[in-house]
Protein backbone atom coordinates (compact mmCIF):
# COMPACT_ATOMS: atom_id res chain seq x y z
CA MET A 1 30.84 -14.85 20.80
CA LYS A 2 33.11 -13.51 18.02
CA ASN A 3 31.48 -15.99 15.54
CA PHE A 4 28.03 -14.76 16.55
CA VAL A 5 28.98 -11.10 15.95
CA SER A 6 30.56 -11.98 12.66
CA ARG A 7 27.47 -13.90 11.43
CA PHE A 8 25.16 -11.05 12.63
CA ALA A 9 27.25 -8.38 10.78
CA ASN A 10 27.16 -10.43 7.54
CA ASP A 11 23.47 -11.23 7.72
CA GLU A 12 21.60 -9.18 5.09
CA SER A 13 18.14 -10.68 5.50
CA GLY A 14 17.04 -7.79 7.77
CA ALA A 15 18.12 -5.26 5.17
CA THR A 16 16.08 -6.98 2.50
CA ALA A 17 13.02 -7.05 4.70
CA ILE A 18 13.42 -3.26 5.36
CA GLU A 19 13.76 -2.59 1.62
CA TYR A 20 10.59 -4.55 0.87
CA GLY A 21 8.82 -2.60 3.62
CA LEU A 22 9.92 0.68 2.13
CA ILE A 23 8.72 -0.33 -1.28
CA ALA A 24 5.31 -1.38 0.11
CA ALA A 25 5.07 1.92 1.92
CA LEU A 26 5.87 3.82 -1.27
CA VAL A 27 3.30 1.93 -3.28
CA SER A 28 0.69 2.53 -0.52
CA VAL A 29 1.41 6.29 -0.57
CA GLY A 30 1.03 6.27 -4.38
CA ILE A 31 -2.34 4.45 -4.19
CA ILE A 32 -3.63 6.87 -1.52
CA ALA A 33 -2.51 9.91 -3.56
CA ALA A 34 -4.25 8.55 -6.68
CA LEU A 35 -7.43 7.81 -4.80
CA ASN A 36 -7.46 11.32 -3.32
CA LEU A 37 -7.07 12.77 -6.87
CA LEU A 38 -9.97 10.65 -8.09
CA GLN A 39 -12.24 11.11 -5.00
CA THR A 40 -14.92 13.23 -6.65
CA GLU A 41 -15.13 11.05 -9.70
CA LEU A 42 -15.33 7.91 -7.61
CA THR A 43 -18.02 9.42 -5.41
CA GLY A 44 -20.12 10.30 -8.46
CA ILE A 45 -19.72 6.83 -9.96
CA PHE A 46 -20.69 5.07 -6.77
CA GLY A 47 -23.61 7.55 -6.27
CA ARG A 48 -24.99 6.70 -9.70
CA ILE A 49 -24.61 2.99 -9.08
CA SER A 50 -26.43 3.38 -5.75
CA THR A 51 -29.23 5.34 -7.40
CA ALA A 52 -29.55 2.72 -10.16
CA LEU A 53 -29.70 -0.18 -7.64
CA GLN A 54 -32.35 1.61 -5.51
CA GLY A 55 -34.45 2.22 -8.61
CA ALA A 56 -34.18 -1.47 -9.67
CA GLY A 57 -35.49 -2.73 -6.35
């Protein structure tokens, strides 16, 4: 039992997984914030593309 507790205390793979999860969450928040800032421009661009595609058909 003591060996199991010692191995569990020295195992750092869970900490690495948590760090990667936090980095992924931070990147996701950054992408969401950037998209919110560009929302009106993106809406206009996709609106113009939609209009052009409807006119072509």
